[in-house]
Amino acid sequence: MTSLPAPQWRKSSYSNGTGGECVEVAELAGITAVRDSKVPAGPRIAIQHAAWAGFVGALRTSRLD
C-alpha cells in the first residue's frame, strides 16, 4: 500500500492571522480540500479543481454579492 503525503494546508491571503473566520485549502489529486482553520481536525469538504476555481473567480469579480 502506498501512503499519500499529508495535505499542505494554506490560509487565504486575506487572513490576518488572529484566529478570525478563515478557511484553509489544500490541493490534492484532482480536488481542492477545504476546512475551517479554527477546527483543523474537523470536517472537510472536497471540491473538484474546476468548481473551486470558478467559485474563487466569482468571489474575485464580486459576482456572489
N, C-alpha and C. Protein backbone atom coordinates (compact mmCIF):
# COMPACT_ATOMS: atom_id res chain seq x y z
N MET A 1 0.84 -1.18 0.00
CA MET A 1 0.00 0.00 0.00
C MET A 1 0.88 1.24 0.00
N THR A 2 0.55 2.20 -0.84
CA THR A 2 1.29 3.45 -0.94
C THR A 2 0.64 4.50 -0.04
N SER A 3 1.45 5.18 0.76
CA SER A 3 0.87 6.24 1.59
C SER A 3 0.94 7.56 0.84
N LEU A 4 -0.08 8.35 1.03
CA LEU A 4 -0.15 9.65 0.38
C LEU A 4 0.50 10.70 1.28
N PRO A 5 1.10 11.72 0.70
CA PRO A 5 1.66 12.79 1.53
C PRO A 5 0.56 13.56 2.24
N ALA A 6 0.89 14.11 3.39
CA ALA A 6 -0.08 14.92 4.13
C ALA A 6 -0.40 16.18 3.34
N PRO A 7 -1.66 16.61 3.34
CA PRO A 7 -2.01 17.85 2.63
C PRO A 7 -1.26 19.05 3.19
N GLN A 8 -0.90 19.97 2.33
CA GLN A 8 -0.26 21.21 2.73
C GLN A 8 -1.35 22.28 2.77
N TRP A 9 -1.88 22.53 3.96
CA TRP A 9 -2.97 23.48 4.13
C TRP A 9 -2.45 24.90 4.08
N ARG A 10 -3.22 25.81 3.48
CA ARG A 10 -2.85 27.23 3.45
C ARG A 10 -4.09 28.07 3.67
N LYS A 11 -3.88 29.23 4.30
CA LYS A 11 -4.97 30.16 4.56
C LYS A 11 -5.04 31.21 3.46
N SER A 12 -6.14 31.86 3.40
CA SER A 12 -6.33 32.95 2.46
C SER A 12 -5.33 34.07 2.71
N SER A 13 -4.94 34.74 1.67
CA SER A 13 -4.06 35.90 1.82
C SER A 13 -4.78 37.04 2.53
N TYR A 14 -6.11 36.95 2.64
CA TYR A 14 -6.89 37.96 3.35
C TYR A 14 -6.96 37.69 4.86
N SER A 15 -6.43 36.55 5.28
CA SER A 15 -6.44 36.21 6.70
C SER A 15 -5.45 37.08 7.44
N ASN A 16 -5.86 37.60 8.60
CA ASN A 16 -4.95 38.47 9.36
C ASN A 16 -4.17 37.70 10.41
N GLY A 17 -4.40 36.39 10.54
CA GLY A 17 -3.62 35.58 11.45
C GLY A 17 -4.00 35.70 12.91
N THR A 18 -5.12 36.35 13.22
CA THR A 18 -5.51 36.50 14.62
C THR A 18 -6.59 35.50 15.03
N GLY A 19 -6.78 34.48 14.26
CA GLY A 19 -7.76 33.46 14.61
C GLY A 19 -9.19 33.81 14.22
N GLY A 20 -9.33 34.66 13.24
CA GLY A 20 -10.66 35.05 12.77
C GLY A 20 -11.33 33.95 11.99
N GLU A 21 -12.33 34.33 11.26
CA GLU A 21 -13.09 33.36 10.48
C GLU A 21 -12.38 33.08 9.17
N CYS A 22 -11.61 32.02 9.15
CA CYS A 22 -10.82 31.69 7.96
C CYS A 22 -11.07 30.26 7.53
N VAL A 23 -10.89 30.04 6.27
CA VAL A 23 -10.87 28.68 5.75
C VAL A 23 -9.45 28.39 5.31
N GLU A 24 -9.13 27.12 5.26
CA GLU A 24 -7.85 26.68 4.73
C GLU A 24 -8.14 25.75 3.57
N VAL A 25 -7.27 25.75 2.57
CA VAL A 25 -7.43 24.87 1.42
C VAL A 25 -6.14 24.08 1.21
N ALA A 26 -6.30 22.92 0.61
CA ALA A 26 -5.16 22.09 0.25
C ALA A 26 -5.45 21.50 -1.12
N GLU A 27 -4.46 21.54 -1.99
CA GLU A 27 -4.58 20.97 -3.32
C GLU A 27 -4.19 19.49 -3.24
N LEU A 28 -5.10 18.62 -3.67
CA LEU A 28 -4.86 17.19 -3.68
C LEU A 28 -5.05 16.68 -5.10
N ALA A 29 -4.90 15.40 -5.30
CA ALA A 29 -5.02 14.82 -6.64
C ALA A 29 -6.43 15.01 -7.20
N GLY A 30 -6.61 16.00 -8.04
CA GLY A 30 -7.88 16.24 -8.70
C GLY A 30 -8.91 17.02 -7.92
N ILE A 31 -8.62 17.33 -6.66
CA ILE A 31 -9.59 18.05 -5.85
C ILE A 31 -8.92 19.14 -5.02
N THR A 32 -9.74 20.05 -4.54
CA THR A 32 -9.32 21.04 -3.55
C THR A 32 -10.07 20.71 -2.28
N ALA A 33 -9.34 20.51 -1.20
CA ALA A 33 -9.96 20.24 0.09
C ALA A 33 -10.09 21.56 0.85
N VAL A 34 -11.19 21.73 1.58
CA VAL A 34 -11.47 22.96 2.31
C VAL A 34 -11.84 22.59 3.74
N ARG A 35 -11.30 23.35 4.71
CA ARG A 35 -11.64 23.11 6.11
C ARG A 35 -11.66 24.43 6.87
N ASP A 36 -12.24 24.41 8.06
CA ASP A 36 -12.30 25.56 8.96
C ASP A 36 -10.97 25.64 9.70
N SER A 37 -10.31 26.77 9.62
CA SER A 37 -8.99 26.90 10.25
C SER A 37 -9.06 26.82 11.78
N LYS A 38 -10.22 27.11 12.35
CA LYS A 38 -10.36 27.05 13.80
C LYS A 38 -10.54 25.63 14.31
N VAL A 39 -10.92 24.71 13.41
CA VAL A 39 -11.15 23.31 13.77
C VAL A 39 -10.43 22.42 12.76
N PRO A 40 -9.09 22.41 12.76
CA PRO A 40 -8.35 21.69 11.72
C PRO A 40 -8.62 20.18 11.67
N ALA A 41 -9.01 19.57 12.78
CA ALA A 41 -9.32 18.15 12.76
C ALA A 41 -10.79 17.88 12.46
N GLY A 42 -11.55 18.93 12.23
CA GLY A 42 -12.98 18.80 11.98
C GLY A 42 -13.29 18.40 10.56
N PRO A 43 -14.56 18.56 10.16
CA PRO A 43 -15.00 18.15 8.82
C PRO A 43 -14.28 18.92 7.73
N ARG A 44 -14.18 18.27 6.60
CA ARG A 44 -13.57 18.87 5.40
C ARG A 44 -14.47 18.57 4.23
N ILE A 45 -14.42 19.42 3.24
CA ILE A 45 -15.15 19.14 2.01
C ILE A 45 -14.15 19.04 0.88
N ALA A 46 -14.49 18.26 -0.13
CA ALA A 46 -13.64 18.08 -1.30
C ALA A 46 -14.40 18.59 -2.52
N ILE A 47 -13.75 19.45 -3.28
CA ILE A 47 -14.36 20.10 -4.43
C ILE A 47 -13.45 19.90 -5.64
N GLN A 48 -14.02 19.59 -6.77
CA GLN A 48 -13.20 19.46 -7.98
C GLN A 48 -12.50 20.78 -8.26
N HIS A 49 -11.26 20.69 -8.76
CA HIS A 49 -10.46 21.90 -9.01
C HIS A 49 -11.21 22.93 -9.84
N ALA A 50 -11.88 22.50 -10.90
CA ALA A 50 -12.57 23.45 -11.78
C ALA A 50 -13.70 24.17 -11.05
N ALA A 51 -14.43 23.46 -10.21
CA ALA A 51 -15.51 24.09 -9.45
C ALA A 51 -14.95 25.10 -8.45
N TRP A 52 -13.85 24.74 -7.78
CA TRP A 52 -13.23 25.66 -6.82
C TRP A 52 -12.72 26.91 -7.54
N ALA A 53 -12.08 26.73 -8.69
CA ALA A 53 -11.56 27.87 -9.45
C ALA A 53 -12.71 28.78 -9.88
N GLY A 54 -13.84 28.21 -10.28
CA GLY A 54 -14.99 29.02 -10.65
C GLY A 54 -15.54 29.80 -9.47
N PHE A 55 -15.61 29.17 -8.30
CA PHE A 55 -16.08 29.83 -7.09
C PHE A 55 -15.17 30.99 -6.71
N VAL A 56 -13.87 30.75 -6.69
CA VAL A 56 -12.90 31.80 -6.33
C VAL A 56 -12.96 32.93 -7.36
N GLY A 57 -13.06 32.58 -8.64
CA GLY A 57 -13.18 33.60 -9.68
C GLY A 57 -14.41 34.47 -9.49
N ALA A 58 -15.53 33.85 -9.11
CA ALA A 58 -16.75 34.62 -8.87
C ALA A 58 -16.58 35.54 -7.67
N LEU A 59 -15.89 35.08 -6.63
CA LEU A 59 -15.63 35.94 -5.48
C LEU A 59 -14.77 37.15 -5.88
N ARG A 60 -13.77 36.88 -6.69
CA ARG A 60 -12.85 37.98 -7.08
C ARG A 60 -13.54 39.03 -7.92
N THR A 61 -14.54 38.65 -8.67
CA THR A 61 -15.23 39.62 -9.52
C THR A 61 -16.54 40.09 -8.90
N SER A 62 -16.74 39.76 -7.63
CA SER A 62 -17.93 40.18 -6.87
C SER A 62 -19.23 39.71 -7.48
N ARG A 63 -19.23 38.59 -8.16
CA ARG A 63 -20.46 38.08 -8.74
C ARG A 63 -21.32 37.34 -7.72
N LEU A 64 -20.86 37.20 -6.48
CA LEU A 64 -21.63 36.50 -5.47
C LEU A 64 -22.20 37.43 -4.42
N ASP A 65 -22.29 38.70 -4.72
CA ASP A 65 -22.84 39.66 -3.75
C ASP A 65 -24.29 39.40 -3.48
